[in-house]
Amino acid sequence: KFFHPKATGKYPLVVMVNGTGVPYQQYEQVFEHLASWGYAVVGDDYDQSWDGVYPDKALSFALSNGETSPWVDEKKIAIGGHSQGGEGTFNAAIDFANSPKYKCLFALSATNQKLALSLGWGHKLGSDGKAASDSYAYDLGKISCPALMFAGTGNFDTQTVLPLEKLKENYSQIPNGIPTVMARRGDNVDHGEMLWRSDPYVVAWLEYWLKGDEEAGKAFFGSDCELAKNVHWQDYASKQ
């Protein structure tokens, strides 16, 4: 599925990576909202997204299809997703020929490594002579673009999908020198809501990295950044 603003032109592209049981049809409002801010958006409805294969194909489709490519600024591309789609975002940004094209990413309540492996969402699961102990869900040490990582504070996120210690672990694994921001949405907001509750900051993140809006960047970086002061968010950390 491909969304774009009404006015003819080339726009920054956002590749949306769906979570488990959440094809694009269930969050088209997010696509529409991003398009209203001047972005082209592409997503799919495949059940599996963790390995980044289908998100990578979605990007290739957007860049090569004659009906979509005229709308895309190929030098301004971002990727992001929720839950399984957060894991898929990481892998799509690492493992493919298209990976260097991403200027930034966002991962919302991304499935933590241990849980992902228990679900079979991992590389080298006992194959190619590798022991199961060698398996991994994603290798954040290979991330090379700015990363925004959020989680919720409701029971499902805090106890299962992305507990604070796992979010901190992911944050620490992003290489130093790669701009990275982490935070959790307070007020007991849980896993399923994070796709929606993160939307304003996702837009600001895209505005900063894809459009160079310095004002939007103040939401994330600096001694007086907005996210650090927002009473509805907690556990903020950033590095550049």
Protein backbone atom coordinates (compact mmCIF):
# COMPACT_ATOMS: atom_id res chain seq x y z
CA LYS A 1 0.00 0.00 0.00
CA PHE A 2 1.36 3.41 -0.94
CA PHE A 3 0.23 6.79 0.37
CA HIS A 4 1.43 10.21 -0.73
CA PRO A 5 0.44 13.88 -0.43
CA LYS A 6 -2.02 15.25 -2.95
CA ALA A 7 0.30 17.78 -4.58
CA THR A 8 2.56 16.39 -7.29
CA GLY A 9 6.20 16.22 -6.24
CA LYS A 10 8.96 14.09 -4.72
CA TYR A 11 8.65 13.44 -1.00
CA PRO A 12 10.68 11.75 1.73
CA LEU A 13 9.65 8.10 1.99
CA VAL A 14 8.74 6.20 5.16
CA VAL A 15 8.75 2.39 5.05
CA MET A 16 6.30 1.13 7.68
CA VAL A 17 6.94 -2.36 9.10
CA ASN A 18 3.83 -4.09 10.43
CA GLY A 19 3.61 -5.88 13.75
CA THR A 20 2.11 -9.29 14.40
CA GLY A 21 -1.49 -9.41 13.22
CA VAL A 22 -1.40 -5.72 12.34
CA PRO A 23 -1.33 -5.29 8.55
CA TYR A 24 -1.42 -1.81 7.11
CA GLN A 25 -5.24 -1.93 6.91
CA GLN A 26 -5.39 -1.65 10.71
CA TYR A 27 -3.39 1.56 10.94
CA GLU A 28 -3.99 3.38 7.68
CA GLN A 29 -4.64 6.52 9.76
CA VAL A 30 -0.92 6.58 10.55
CA PHE A 31 -0.10 6.41 6.84
CA GLU A 32 -2.57 9.19 6.15
CA HIS A 33 -1.20 11.34 8.96
CA LEU A 34 2.36 10.99 7.69
CA ALA A 35 1.21 11.84 4.18
CA SER A 36 -0.47 14.97 5.54
CA TRP A 37 2.95 16.05 6.84
CA GLY A 38 4.50 15.68 3.40
CA TYR A 39 5.72 12.08 3.31
CA ALA A 40 5.24 9.21 0.95
CA VAL A 41 4.55 6.00 2.92
CA VAL A 42 4.72 2.35 1.90
CA GLY A 43 3.71 -0.77 3.85
CA ASP A 44 2.41 -4.29 3.35
CA ASP A 45 0.19 -6.89 4.97
CA TYR A 46 2.52 -9.90 5.20
CA ASP A 47 2.34 -11.86 8.46
CA GLN A 48 6.11 -12.04 8.84
CA SER A 49 8.19 -8.91 9.19
CA TRP A 50 10.86 -9.73 11.80
CA ASP A 51 13.63 -10.61 9.33
CA GLY A 52 13.27 -7.45 7.25
CA VAL A 53 12.70 -9.32 3.99
CA TYR A 54 9.27 -7.94 3.15
CA PRO A 55 10.05 -4.39 4.33
CA ASP A 56 13.07 -4.49 2.03
CA LYS A 57 10.86 -5.63 -0.83
CA ALA A 58 8.40 -2.84 -0.03
CA LEU A 59 11.20 -0.30 -0.37
CA SER A 60 12.35 -1.82 -3.66
CA PHE A 61 8.76 -1.69 -4.90
CA ALA A 62 8.38 1.98 -3.96
CA LEU A 63 11.63 2.89 -5.69
CA SER A 64 11.08 0.91 -8.88
CA ASN A 65 7.35 0.88 -9.56
CA GLY A 66 6.36 3.40 -12.20
CA GLU A 67 3.32 4.56 -10.23
CA THR A 68 5.18 5.12 -6.95
CA SER A 69 8.74 6.12 -7.79
CA PRO A 70 7.84 9.57 -9.20
CA TRP A 71 6.64 10.53 -5.69
CA VAL A 72 9.81 9.44 -3.85
CA ASP A 73 12.90 11.44 -2.96
CA GLU A 74 15.41 8.58 -2.97
CA LYS A 75 17.87 10.53 -0.82
CA LYS A 76 15.41 10.87 2.07
CA ILE A 77 14.18 7.49 3.28
CA ALA A 78 13.28 6.30 6.80
CA ILE A 79 11.99 3.02 8.20
CA GLY A 80 10.01 2.23 11.32
CA GLY A 81 7.69 -0.27 12.89
CA HIS A 82 5.93 -1.56 15.98
CA SER A 83 6.38 -4.80 17.94
CA GLN A 84 7.54 -7.54 15.52
CA GLY A 85 7.82 -4.63 13.10
CA GLY A 86 10.38 -3.02 15.42
CA GLU A 87 12.57 -6.10 15.08
CA GLY A 88 11.93 -6.05 11.34
CA THR A 89 12.99 -2.40 11.27
CA PHE A 90 16.33 -3.25 12.86
CA ASN A 91 17.00 -6.13 10.48
CA ALA A 92 15.91 -4.21 7.40
CA ALA A 93 18.32 -1.44 8.36
CA ILE A 94 21.22 -3.88 8.71
CA ASP A 95 21.07 -6.91 6.44
CA PHE A 96 20.20 -5.75 2.91
CA ALA A 97 21.65 -3.91 -0.05
CA ASN A 98 18.98 -1.26 0.55
CA SER A 99 19.99 -0.79 4.21
CA PRO A 100 22.40 2.12 3.64
CA LYS A 101 19.56 4.11 2.06
CA TYR A 102 17.87 4.70 5.43
CA LYS A 103 18.60 8.09 6.97
CA CYS A 104 16.89 7.23 10.28
CA LEU A 105 14.71 4.60 11.95
CA PHE A 106 12.12 4.35 14.71
CA ALA A 107 11.26 1.19 16.67
CA LEU A 108 8.14 1.22 18.84
CA SER A 109 7.93 -1.46 21.53
CA ALA A 110 10.25 -3.67 19.49
CA THR A 111 10.22 -7.34 20.46
CA ASN A 112 13.20 -7.99 22.72
CA GLN A 113 15.89 -10.45 21.68
CA LYS A 114 15.03 -13.24 24.12
CA LEU A 115 11.32 -13.15 23.32
CA ALA A 116 12.00 -12.98 19.59
CA LEU A 117 14.16 -16.09 19.73
CA SER A 118 11.53 -17.95 21.75
CA LEU A 119 9.05 -17.16 18.98
CA GLY A 120 11.43 -18.43 16.30
CA TRP A 121 12.20 -14.94 15.02
CA GLY A 122 15.95 -15.32 14.90
CA HIS A 123 18.95 -15.91 12.68
CA LYS A 124 20.99 -19.13 12.72
CA LEU A 125 18.56 -21.06 14.88
CA GLY A 126 20.57 -24.28 14.99
CA SER A 127 21.28 -24.10 11.24
CA ASP A 128 24.51 -24.05 9.25
CA GLY A 129 26.33 -25.85 12.02
CA LYS A 130 25.53 -23.11 14.52
CA ALA A 131 24.30 -23.96 17.98
CA ALA A 132 21.06 -22.45 19.19
CA SER A 133 23.13 -20.43 21.64
CA ASP A 134 24.63 -18.60 18.64
CA SER A 135 21.21 -17.42 17.53
CA TYR A 136 20.31 -13.76 17.53
CA ALA A 137 17.25 -11.72 16.64
CA TYR A 138 19.07 -8.56 15.53
CA ASP A 139 22.56 -7.12 15.77
CA LEU A 140 22.25 -3.53 16.89
CA GLY A 141 26.00 -3.08 16.78
CA LYS A 142 25.58 -2.78 13.00
CA ILE A 143 23.03 0.05 13.08
CA SER A 144 24.41 3.00 11.13
CA CYS A 145 21.54 5.53 11.09
CA PRO A 146 19.90 7.59 13.86
CA ALA A 147 17.57 5.43 15.98
CA LEU A 148 14.49 6.35 18.02
CA MET A 149 13.37 3.60 20.41
CA PHE A 150 10.23 3.73 22.55
CA ALA A 151 8.40 1.34 24.88
CA GLY A 152 5.27 1.46 27.01
CA THR A 153 4.82 1.16 30.77
CA GLY A 154 1.79 -1.14 30.77
CA ASN A 155 2.06 -4.76 31.90
CA PHE A 156 2.56 -6.40 28.50
CA ASP A 157 5.47 -4.18 27.53
CA THR A 158 7.08 -4.06 30.98
CA GLN A 159 6.75 -7.79 31.69
CA THR A 160 6.99 -9.36 28.25
CA VAL A 161 7.72 -7.43 25.07
CA LEU A 162 10.22 -4.74 26.05
CA PRO A 163 10.96 -4.35 29.76
CA LEU A 164 13.04 -1.32 30.71
CA GLU A 165 16.22 -3.36 31.12
CA LYS A 166 15.80 -4.73 27.59
CA LEU A 167 15.19 -1.26 26.18
CA LYS A 168 18.36 -0.07 27.92
CA GLU A 169 20.22 -3.06 26.56
CA ASN A 170 19.15 -2.22 23.01
CA TYR A 171 20.10 1.41 23.55
CA SER A 172 23.56 0.48 24.81
CA GLN A 173 24.20 -1.76 21.79
CA ILE A 174 23.74 1.05 19.26
CA PRO A 175 27.29 2.17 18.41
CA ASN A 176 28.55 5.36 19.98
CA GLY A 177 28.45 8.17 17.46
CA ILE A 178 25.06 7.09 16.11
CA PRO A 179 22.41 9.54 17.36
CA THR A 180 20.06 7.48 19.51
CA VAL A 181 17.09 8.32 21.73
CA MET A 182 15.14 6.04 24.07
CA ALA A 183 12.14 6.72 26.29
CA ARG A 184 9.03 5.05 27.70
CA ARG A 185 5.49 6.38 27.55
CA GLY A 186 4.17 6.72 31.07
CA ASP A 187 0.61 6.69 32.38
CA ASN A 188 0.50 2.88 32.10
CA VAL A 189 0.26 3.06 28.30
CA ASP A 190 0.73 -0.49 27.05
CA HIS A 191 2.06 -2.27 24.02
CA GLY A 192 -0.77 -1.93 21.52
CA GLU A 193 -1.21 1.78 22.16
CA MET A 194 2.41 2.67 21.43
CA LEU A 195 1.87 2.76 17.68
CA TRP A 196 -0.54 5.64 18.19
CA ARG A 197 0.90 7.38 21.25
CA SER A 198 4.35 7.65 19.63
CA ASP A 199 3.06 9.32 16.49
CA PRO A 200 3.81 13.00 17.37
CA TYR A 201 7.42 12.23 18.23
CA VAL A 202 7.79 9.99 15.19
CA VAL A 203 6.75 12.91 12.99
CA ALA A 204 9.20 15.21 14.77
CA TRP A 205 11.98 12.61 14.33
CA LEU A 206 11.27 12.42 10.60
CA GLU A 207 11.05 16.20 10.30
CA TYR A 208 14.48 16.53 11.87
CA TRP A 209 16.37 13.80 10.01
CA LEU A 210 14.63 13.88 6.63
CA LYS A 211 13.79 17.57 6.31
CA GLY A 212 16.43 19.22 8.48
CA ASP A 213 13.95 20.93 10.80
CA GLU A 214 16.18 22.09 13.67
CA GLU A 215 13.17 23.06 15.78
CA ALA A 216 11.92 19.46 15.62
CA GLY A 217 15.34 18.27 16.76
CA LYS A 218 14.89 20.20 20.01
CA ALA A 219 12.31 17.61 21.00
CA PHE A 220 15.10 15.04 21.37
CA PHE A 221 18.49 16.63 21.93
CA GLY A 222 19.97 19.32 24.11
CA SER A 223 19.93 20.13 27.81
CA ASP A 224 16.38 21.46 27.60
CA CYS A 225 14.83 18.97 25.17
CA GLU A 226 11.06 18.58 25.17
CA LEU A 227 10.93 14.79 25.50
CA ALA A 228 13.00 14.85 28.69
CA LYS A 229 10.59 17.35 30.26
CA ASN A 230 7.33 15.77 29.07
CA VAL A 231 5.54 14.51 32.19
CA HIS A 232 3.84 11.77 30.15
CA TRP A 233 7.19 10.19 29.24
CA GLN A 234 9.97 8.74 31.38
CA ASP A 235 13.35 6.97 31.27
CA TYR A 236 14.61 9.33 28.57
CA ALA A 237 18.20 8.96 27.39
CA SER A 238 20.04 10.19 24.32
CA LYS A 239 23.49 9.99 22.76
CA GLN A 240 25.01 11.52 19.66
